[in-house]
Amino acid sequence: MSEQEEIRLFDKISNGLKESYETLLKRKAALGQDMVIADASGQPVVVPAADLLAKREEKIRETDRK
């Protein structure tokens, strides 16, 4: 496998993971469920999916403005 093929494969995997996370987040937010994430020290934290989705969308909007 060439270097270019590897780069494309890793990009495809990365994009697939991002899409599946976003789908999961949207589904859990719609159902009013929580997500378990890790804080800065690696400890689990339970957060409403709707809050995470709102933060993610705000981050995307900020990135688009730049």
C-alpha atoms as a PDB file:
ATOM      1  CA  MET A   1       0.000   0.000   0.000  1.00  0.00           C
ATOM      2  CA  SER A   2       1.445   3.352  -1.001  1.00  0.00           C
ATOM      3  CA  GLU A   3       1.727   6.308   1.344  1.00  0.00           C
ATOM      4  CA  GLN A   4      -1.060   8.136  -0.495  1.00  0.00           C
ATOM      5  CA  GLU A   5      -3.362   5.123  -0.174  1.00  0.00           C
ATOM      6  CA  GLU A   6      -2.635   4.929   3.541  1.00  0.00           C
ATOM      7  CA  ILE A   7      -3.422   8.620   3.974  1.00  0.00           C
ATOM      8  CA  ARG A   8      -6.735   8.188   2.127  1.00  0.00           C
ATOM      9  CA  LEU A   9      -7.587   5.127   4.239  1.00  0.00           C
ATOM     10  CA  PHE A  10      -6.866   6.940   7.509  1.00  0.00           C
ATOM     11  CA  ASP A  11      -8.890   9.952   6.330  1.00  0.00           C
ATOM     12  CA  LYS A  12     -11.801   7.668   5.441  1.00  0.00           C
ATOM     13  CA  ILE A  13     -11.641   5.964   8.849  1.00  0.00           C
ATOM     14  CA  SER A  14     -11.405   9.307  10.655  1.00  0.00           C
ATOM     15  CA  ASN A  15     -14.390  10.732   8.751  1.00  0.00           C
ATOM     16  CA  GLY A  16     -16.423   7.595   9.462  1.00  0.00           C
ATOM     17  CA  LEU A  17     -15.708   7.846  13.186  1.00  0.00           C
ATOM     18  CA  LYS A  18     -16.705  11.524  13.223  1.00  0.00           C
ATOM     19  CA  GLU A  19     -19.957  10.774  11.396  1.00  0.00           C
ATOM     20  CA  SER A  20     -20.865   7.876  13.684  1.00  0.00           C
ATOM     21  CA  TYR A  21     -20.146   9.970  16.813  1.00  0.00           C
ATOM     22  CA  GLU A  22     -22.314  12.800  15.497  1.00  0.00           C
ATOM     23  CA  THR A  23     -25.142  10.373  14.669  1.00  0.00           C
ATOM     24  CA  LEU A  24     -24.949   8.834  18.145  1.00  0.00           C
ATOM     25  CA  LEU A  25     -24.887  12.270  19.775  1.00  0.00           C
ATOM     26  CA  LYS A  26     -27.919  13.486  17.809  1.00  0.00           C
ATOM     27  CA  ARG A  27     -29.890  10.310  18.561  1.00  0.00           C
ATOM     28  CA  LYS A  28     -29.132  10.461  22.292  1.00  0.00           C
ATOM     29  CA  ALA A  29     -29.954  14.182  22.415  1.00  0.00           C
ATOM     30  CA  ALA A  30     -33.298  13.548  20.709  1.00  0.00           C
ATOM     31  CA  LEU A  31     -34.094  10.853  23.275  1.00  0.00           C
ATOM     32  CA  GLY A  32     -33.016  13.025  26.207  1.00  0.00           C
ATOM     33  CA  GLN A  33     -30.208  10.658  27.152  1.00  0.00           C
ATOM     34  CA  ASP A  34     -26.780  11.263  28.649  1.00  0.00           C
ATOM     35  CA  MET A  35     -23.287  10.584  27.342  1.00  0.00           C
ATOM     36  CA  VAL A  36     -20.334   9.454  29.430  1.00  0.00           C
ATOM     37  CA  ILE A  37     -17.134  11.297  28.534  1.00  0.00           C
ATOM     38  CA  ALA A  38     -13.751  11.720  30.202  1.00  0.00           C
ATOM     39  CA  ASP A  39     -12.695  14.969  31.867  1.00  0.00           C
ATOM     40  CA  ALA A  40      -9.186  16.450  31.643  1.00  0.00           C
ATOM     41  CA  SER A  41      -7.892  14.032  34.280  1.00  0.00           C
ATOM     42  CA  GLY A  42      -9.443  11.009  32.569  1.00  0.00           C
ATOM     43  CA  GLN A  43     -12.290  10.560  35.029  1.00  0.00           C
ATOM     44  CA  PRO A  44     -15.735   9.654  33.647  1.00  0.00           C
ATOM     45  CA  VAL A  45     -18.339  12.413  33.613  1.00  0.00           C
ATOM     46  CA  VAL A  46     -22.035  12.051  32.758  1.00  0.00           C
ATOM     47  CA  VAL A  47     -23.262  14.910  30.553  1.00  0.00           C
ATOM     48  CA  PRO A  48     -26.598  15.417  28.798  1.00  0.00           C
ATOM     49  CA  ALA A  49     -26.161  14.656  25.104  1.00  0.00           C
ATOM     50  CA  ALA A  50     -28.083  17.825  24.239  1.00  0.00           C
ATOM     51  CA  ASP A  51     -25.404  19.907  26.000  1.00  0.00           C
ATOM     52  CA  LEU A  52     -22.607  18.167  24.118  1.00  0.00           C
ATOM     53  CA  LEU A  53     -24.456  18.605  20.831  1.00  0.00           C
ATOM     54  CA  ALA A  54     -24.961  22.327  21.480  1.00  0.00           C
ATOM     55  CA  LYS A  55     -21.254  22.772  22.304  1.00  0.00           C
ATOM     56  CA  ARG A  56     -20.253  20.800  19.201  1.00  0.00           C
ATOM     57  CA  GLU A  57     -22.500  22.895  16.947  1.00  0.00           C
ATOM     58  CA  GLU A  58     -21.171  26.137  18.482  1.00  0.00           C
ATOM     59  CA  LYS A  59     -17.595  24.981  17.883  1.00  0.00           C
ATOM     60  CA  ILE A  60     -18.456  24.204  14.250  1.00  0.00           C
ATOM     61  CA  ARG A  61     -20.024  27.676  13.826  1.00  0.00           C
ATOM     62  CA  GLU A  62     -16.909  29.319  15.305  1.00  0.00           C
ATOM     63  CA  THR A  63     -14.687  27.347  12.937  1.00  0.00           C
ATOM     64  CA  ASP A  64     -16.837  28.372   9.954  1.00  0.00           C
ATOM     65  CA  ARG A  65     -16.542  32.067  10.897  1.00  0.00           C
ATOM     66  CA  LYS A  66     -12.733  31.966  10.701  1.00  0.00           C
END
